[in-house]
Amino acid sequence: PEFFVEGTEIVGLVNFWPDPALGQIKRLRFWTTILYEENPLYDLEFKDTLLPTWDALVVQKYDPRVQFPALAEELLINFAGRNKTYRYFSLCDIFIPDLWERNFGNGEFFKGKIVLVGPVGNWTNDYHKTPLGPMFGVEIHAHAIATMLRGNYLRDFS
């Protein structure tokens, strides 16, 4: 399908639905619909307006050459490691000018990188089961984005 529906360049849906059998987040999603987000049992094949997921949107903005699989193909996140595989930084370190300059070279550190901003802490209630153990939502997105960029998807052998 056409990747961007007019006006959706800034809309990306962020939910991951846990696998019903194990209660773990492990499946990649590239496309979704509003009806599917309201009821994950709804069949995407009905083809109401398809929207990119947030992760797919980030990947397409970063590298438009990345090709996504067919709509119905079920692929799994290839987790690169357990919780805290990717580096976390406190917002304080970014918004305090001295720290911003000293630690991040006024932003040069982030040049050419994808930066995700999200809450990390037990207070967030954004902590989920994955095949490699509990993980914060923002880190699950990092693993999903990395999997899409590398194209090293896993497949279910059920």
C-alpha atoms as a PDB file:
ATOM      1  CA  PRO A   1       0.000   0.000   0.000  1.00  0.00           C
ATOM      2  CA  GLU A   2       0.913   3.634  -0.329  1.00  0.00           C
ATOM      3  CA  PHE A   3       2.971   4.371   2.772  1.00  0.00           C
ATOM      4  CA  PHE A   4       1.685   7.835   3.563  1.00  0.00           C
ATOM      5  CA  VAL A   5      -1.995   8.633   3.376  1.00  0.00           C
ATOM      6  CA  GLU A   6      -2.291  12.395   2.920  1.00  0.00           C
ATOM      7  CA  GLY A   7      -2.035  14.087   6.311  1.00  0.00           C
ATOM      8  CA  THR A   8      -0.624  11.052   8.145  1.00  0.00           C
ATOM      9  CA  GLU A   9       3.053  12.006   7.921  1.00  0.00           C
ATOM     10  CA  ILE A  10       2.848  13.067  11.554  1.00  0.00           C
ATOM     11  CA  VAL A  11       0.519  10.335  12.794  1.00  0.00           C
ATOM     12  CA  GLY A  12       1.966   7.055  13.955  1.00  0.00           C
ATOM     13  CA  LEU A  13       0.179   4.735  16.335  1.00  0.00           C
ATOM     14  CA  VAL A  14       2.416   3.460  19.143  1.00  0.00           C
ATOM     15  CA  ASN A  15       0.643   0.508  20.741  1.00  0.00           C
ATOM     16  CA  PHE A  16       2.156  -2.943  20.858  1.00  0.00           C
ATOM     17  CA  TRP A  17      -0.296  -5.734  21.595  1.00  0.00           C
ATOM     18  CA  PRO A  18       1.035  -8.628  23.693  1.00  0.00           C
ATOM     19  CA  ASP A  19       1.012 -12.118  22.243  1.00  0.00           C
ATOM     20  CA  PRO A  20      -2.204 -13.719  23.559  1.00  0.00           C
ATOM     21  CA  ALA A  21      -0.539 -17.024  24.461  1.00  0.00           C
ATOM     22  CA  LEU A  22       2.452 -15.686  26.416  1.00  0.00           C
ATOM     23  CA  GLY A  23       1.443 -12.140  27.284  1.00  0.00           C
ATOM     24  CA  GLN A  24       4.725 -10.873  25.814  1.00  0.00           C
ATOM     25  CA  ILE A  25       5.361  -8.120  23.330  1.00  0.00           C
ATOM     26  CA  LYS A  26       7.262  -9.632  20.445  1.00  0.00           C
ATOM     27  CA  ARG A  27       5.459  -8.852  17.166  1.00  0.00           C
ATOM     28  CA  LEU A  28       6.392  -6.048  14.791  1.00  0.00           C
ATOM     29  CA  ARG A  29       3.672  -3.992  13.242  1.00  0.00           C
ATOM     30  CA  PHE A  30       4.129  -1.787  10.217  1.00  0.00           C
ATOM     31  CA  TRP A  31       0.523  -0.841   9.496  1.00  0.00           C
ATOM     32  CA  THR A  32      -2.590  -0.371  11.547  1.00  0.00           C
ATOM     33  CA  THR A  33      -6.051   1.124  11.388  1.00  0.00           C
ATOM     34  CA  ILE A  34      -8.119   3.024  13.897  1.00  0.00           C
ATOM     35  CA  LEU A  35     -10.580   0.104  14.060  1.00  0.00           C
ATOM     36  CA  TYR A  36      -7.745  -2.340  14.788  1.00  0.00           C
ATOM     37  CA  GLU A  37      -6.422  -0.103  17.579  1.00  0.00           C
ATOM     38  CA  GLU A  38      -9.871  -0.080  19.170  1.00  0.00           C
ATOM     39  CA  ASN A  39     -10.176  -3.871  18.870  1.00  0.00           C
ATOM     40  CA  PRO A  40      -7.053  -5.963  18.100  1.00  0.00           C
ATOM     41  CA  LEU A  41      -9.270  -8.865  17.019  1.00  0.00           C
ATOM     42  CA  TYR A  42     -10.438  -6.762  14.071  1.00  0.00           C
ATOM     43  CA  ASP A  43      -8.977  -8.040  10.799  1.00  0.00           C
ATOM     44  CA  LEU A  44      -6.607  -5.591   9.093  1.00  0.00           C
ATOM     45  CA  GLU A  45      -7.487  -7.172   5.760  1.00  0.00           C
ATOM     46  CA  PHE A  46     -10.734  -5.164   5.720  1.00  0.00           C
ATOM     47  CA  LYS A  47      -8.494  -2.350   4.502  1.00  0.00           C
ATOM     48  CA  ASP A  48     -10.028   0.716   5.999  1.00  0.00           C
ATOM     49  CA  THR A  49      -7.526   3.588   5.979  1.00  0.00           C
ATOM     50  CA  LEU A  50      -4.117   2.120   6.705  1.00  0.00           C
ATOM     51  CA  LEU A  51      -1.815   4.153   8.903  1.00  0.00           C
ATOM     52  CA  PRO A  52       1.847   3.519   9.557  1.00  0.00           C
ATOM     53  CA  THR A  53       2.810   2.532  13.063  1.00  0.00           C
ATOM     54  CA  TRP A  54       5.020   5.038  14.832  1.00  0.00           C
ATOM     55  CA  ASP A  55       8.070   2.795  14.477  1.00  0.00           C
ATOM     56  CA  ALA A  56       7.527   2.388  10.723  1.00  0.00           C
ATOM     57  CA  LEU A  57       7.057   6.138  10.393  1.00  0.00           C
ATOM     58  CA  VAL A  58      10.357   6.806  12.199  1.00  0.00           C
ATOM     59  CA  VAL A  59      12.175   4.291   9.981  1.00  0.00           C
ATOM     60  CA  GLN A  60      10.719   5.761   6.766  1.00  0.00           C
ATOM     61  CA  LYS A  61      11.676   9.292   7.821  1.00  0.00           C
ATOM     62  CA  TYR A  62      15.214   8.130   8.713  1.00  0.00           C
ATOM     63  CA  ASP A  63      15.741   5.979   5.605  1.00  0.00           C
ATOM     64  CA  PRO A  64      13.020   6.075   2.925  1.00  0.00           C
ATOM     65  CA  ARG A  65      14.738   3.198   1.069  1.00  0.00           C
ATOM     66  CA  VAL A  66      13.678   0.672   3.732  1.00  0.00           C
ATOM     67  CA  GLN A  67      11.062  -1.709   2.322  1.00  0.00           C
ATOM     68  CA  PHE A  68       8.407  -3.235   4.547  1.00  0.00           C
ATOM     69  CA  PRO A  69       6.925  -6.712   4.114  1.00  0.00           C
ATOM     70  CA  ALA A  70       3.403  -7.472   2.934  1.00  0.00           C
ATOM     71  CA  LEU A  71       0.543  -6.327   5.125  1.00  0.00           C
ATOM     72  CA  ALA A  72      -0.347  -9.740   6.499  1.00  0.00           C
ATOM     73  CA  GLU A  73       3.188 -10.997   7.144  1.00  0.00           C
ATOM     74  CA  GLU A  74       3.808 -11.650  10.852  1.00  0.00           C
ATOM     75  CA  LEU A  75       7.350 -10.801  11.871  1.00  0.00           C
ATOM     76  CA  LEU A  76       8.979 -10.651  15.269  1.00  0.00           C
ATOM     77  CA  ILE A  77      11.211  -8.055  16.877  1.00  0.00           C
ATOM     78  CA  ASN A  78      14.829  -9.198  16.911  1.00  0.00           C
ATOM     79  CA  PHE A  79      15.704  -7.922  20.375  1.00  0.00           C
ATOM     80  CA  ALA A  80      19.402  -6.989  20.465  1.00  0.00           C
ATOM     81  CA  GLY A  81      19.573  -7.631  24.202  1.00  0.00           C
ATOM     82  CA  ARG A  82      17.825  -7.279  27.519  1.00  0.00           C
ATOM     83  CA  ASN A  83      16.567  -4.128  29.212  1.00  0.00           C
ATOM     84  CA  LYS A  84      18.993  -1.187  28.942  1.00  0.00           C
ATOM     85  CA  THR A  85      20.616  -2.391  25.715  1.00  0.00           C
ATOM     86  CA  TYR A  86      20.221   1.174  24.451  1.00  0.00           C
ATOM     87  CA  ARG A  87      21.560   4.156  26.379  1.00  0.00           C
ATOM     88  CA  TYR A  88      19.258   6.275  28.511  1.00  0.00           C
ATOM     89  CA  PHE A  89      19.845   9.932  29.304  1.00  0.00           C
ATOM     90  CA  SER A  90      18.040  12.067  31.826  1.00  0.00           C
ATOM     91  CA  LEU A  91      16.200  15.086  30.471  1.00  0.00           C
ATOM     92  CA  CYS A  92      18.114  17.120  33.054  1.00  0.00           C
ATOM     93  CA  ASP A  93      21.345  16.308  31.209  1.00  0.00           C
ATOM     94  CA  ILE A  94      19.848  17.608  27.988  1.00  0.00           C
ATOM     95  CA  PHE A  95      18.087  20.746  29.215  1.00  0.00           C
ATOM     96  CA  ILE A  96      20.812  22.099  31.499  1.00  0.00           C
ATOM     97  CA  PRO A  97      22.998  24.178  29.155  1.00  0.00           C
ATOM     98  CA  ASP A  98      26.356  23.299  30.783  1.00  0.00           C
ATOM     99  CA  LEU A  99      25.611  19.565  30.658  1.00  0.00           C
ATOM    100  CA  TRP A 100      24.232  19.828  27.111  1.00  0.00           C
ATOM    101  CA  GLU A 101      27.449  21.459  25.953  1.00  0.00           C
ATOM    102  CA  ARG A 102      29.871  19.285  27.938  1.00  0.00           C
ATOM    103  CA  ASN A 103      28.232  15.856  27.475  1.00  0.00           C
ATOM    104  CA  PHE A 104      26.631  16.208  24.057  1.00  0.00           C
ATOM    105  CA  GLY A 105      28.665  18.888  22.260  1.00  0.00           C
ATOM    106  CA  ASN A 106      25.588  21.083  21.852  1.00  0.00           C
ATOM    107  CA  GLY A 107      23.821  18.248  20.054  1.00  0.00           C
ATOM    108  CA  GLU A 108      26.673  16.952  17.847  1.00  0.00           C
ATOM    109  CA  PHE A 109      26.546  13.685  19.821  1.00  0.00           C
ATOM    110  CA  PHE A 110      23.040  13.032  18.455  1.00  0.00           C
ATOM    111  CA  LYS A 111      23.719  14.031  14.841  1.00  0.00           C
ATOM    112  CA  GLY A 112      22.636  11.322  12.397  1.00  0.00           C
ATOM    113  CA  LYS A 113      21.050   9.224  15.156  1.00  0.00           C
ATOM    114  CA  ILE A 114      17.464   8.385  15.971  1.00  0.00           C
ATOM    115  CA  VAL A 115      16.574   9.767  19.398  1.00  0.00           C
ATOM    116  CA  LEU A 116      13.549   8.425  21.249  1.00  0.00           C
ATOM    117  CA  VAL A 117      12.072  10.306  24.172  1.00  0.00           C
ATOM    118  CA  GLY A 118      10.011   8.378  26.665  1.00  0.00           C
ATOM    119  CA  PRO A 119       9.509   7.761  30.353  1.00  0.00           C
ATOM    120  CA  VAL A 120      11.705   5.228  32.118  1.00  0.00           C
ATOM    121  CA  GLY A 121      10.897   4.170  35.658  1.00  0.00           C
ATOM    122  CA  ASN A 122       8.529   1.917  37.537  1.00  0.00           C
ATOM    123  CA  TRP A 123       6.252   4.904  38.142  1.00  0.00           C
ATOM    124  CA  THR A 124       5.455   5.127  34.401  1.00  0.00           C
ATOM    125  CA  ASN A 125       3.409   1.949  34.151  1.00  0.00           C
ATOM    126  CA  ASP A 126       5.072   1.512  30.729  1.00  0.00           C
ATOM    127  CA  TYR A 127       6.945  -1.679  31.576  1.00  0.00           C
ATOM    128  CA  HIS A 128       6.127  -4.778  29.539  1.00  0.00           C
ATOM    129  CA  LYS A 129       6.982  -8.471  29.286  1.00  0.00           C
ATOM    130  CA  THR A 130       9.161  -9.440  26.316  1.00  0.00           C
ATOM    131  CA  PRO A 131      10.894 -12.721  25.417  1.00  0.00           C
ATOM    132  CA  LEU A 132      14.073 -11.314  27.034  1.00  0.00           C
ATOM    133  CA  GLY A 133      12.392 -10.101  30.221  1.00  0.00           C
ATOM    134  CA  PRO A 134      10.640  -6.898  31.289  1.00  0.00           C
ATOM    135  CA  MET A 135      11.394  -3.793  29.247  1.00  0.00           C
ATOM    136  CA  PHE A 136      10.280  -0.160  29.142  1.00  0.00           C
ATOM    137  CA  GLY A 137       8.044   0.794  26.220  1.00  0.00           C
ATOM    138  CA  VAL A 138      10.528   3.271  24.758  1.00  0.00           C
ATOM    139  CA  GLU A 139      13.185   0.551  24.625  1.00  0.00           C
ATOM    140  CA  ILE A 140      10.799  -1.866  22.901  1.00  0.00           C
ATOM    141  CA  HIS A 141      10.355   0.829  20.245  1.00  0.00           C
ATOM    142  CA  ALA A 142      14.158   1.130  19.941  1.00  0.00           C
ATOM    143  CA  HIS A 143      14.460  -2.620  19.330  1.00  0.00           C
ATOM    144  CA  ALA A 144      11.588  -2.551  16.813  1.00  0.00           C
ATOM    145  CA  ILE A 145      13.124   0.377  14.914  1.00  0.00           C
ATOM    146  CA  ALA A 146      16.558  -1.283  14.899  1.00  0.00           C
ATOM    147  CA  THR A 147      15.015  -4.517  13.583  1.00  0.00           C
ATOM    148  CA  MET A 148      13.259  -2.639  10.763  1.00  0.00           C
ATOM    149  CA  LEU A 149      16.397  -0.726   9.803  1.00  0.00           C
ATOM    150  CA  ARG A 150      18.540  -3.867   9.763  1.00  0.00           C
ATOM    151  CA  GLY A 151      15.843  -6.014   8.151  1.00  0.00           C
ATOM    152  CA  ASN A 152      16.833  -8.891  10.452  1.00  0.00           C
ATOM    153  CA  TYR A 153      13.313  -9.928  11.399  1.00  0.00           C
ATOM    154  CA  LEU A 154      12.550 -13.126  13.257  1.00  0.00           C
ATOM    155  CA  ARG A 155       9.729 -15.452  12.233  1.00  0.00           C
ATOM    156  CA  ASP A 156       7.426 -17.611  14.343  1.00  0.00           C
ATOM    157  CA  PHE A 157       7.823 -21.351  13.838  1.00  0.00           C
ATOM    158  CA  SER A 158       4.415 -22.343  15.170  1.00  0.00           C
END
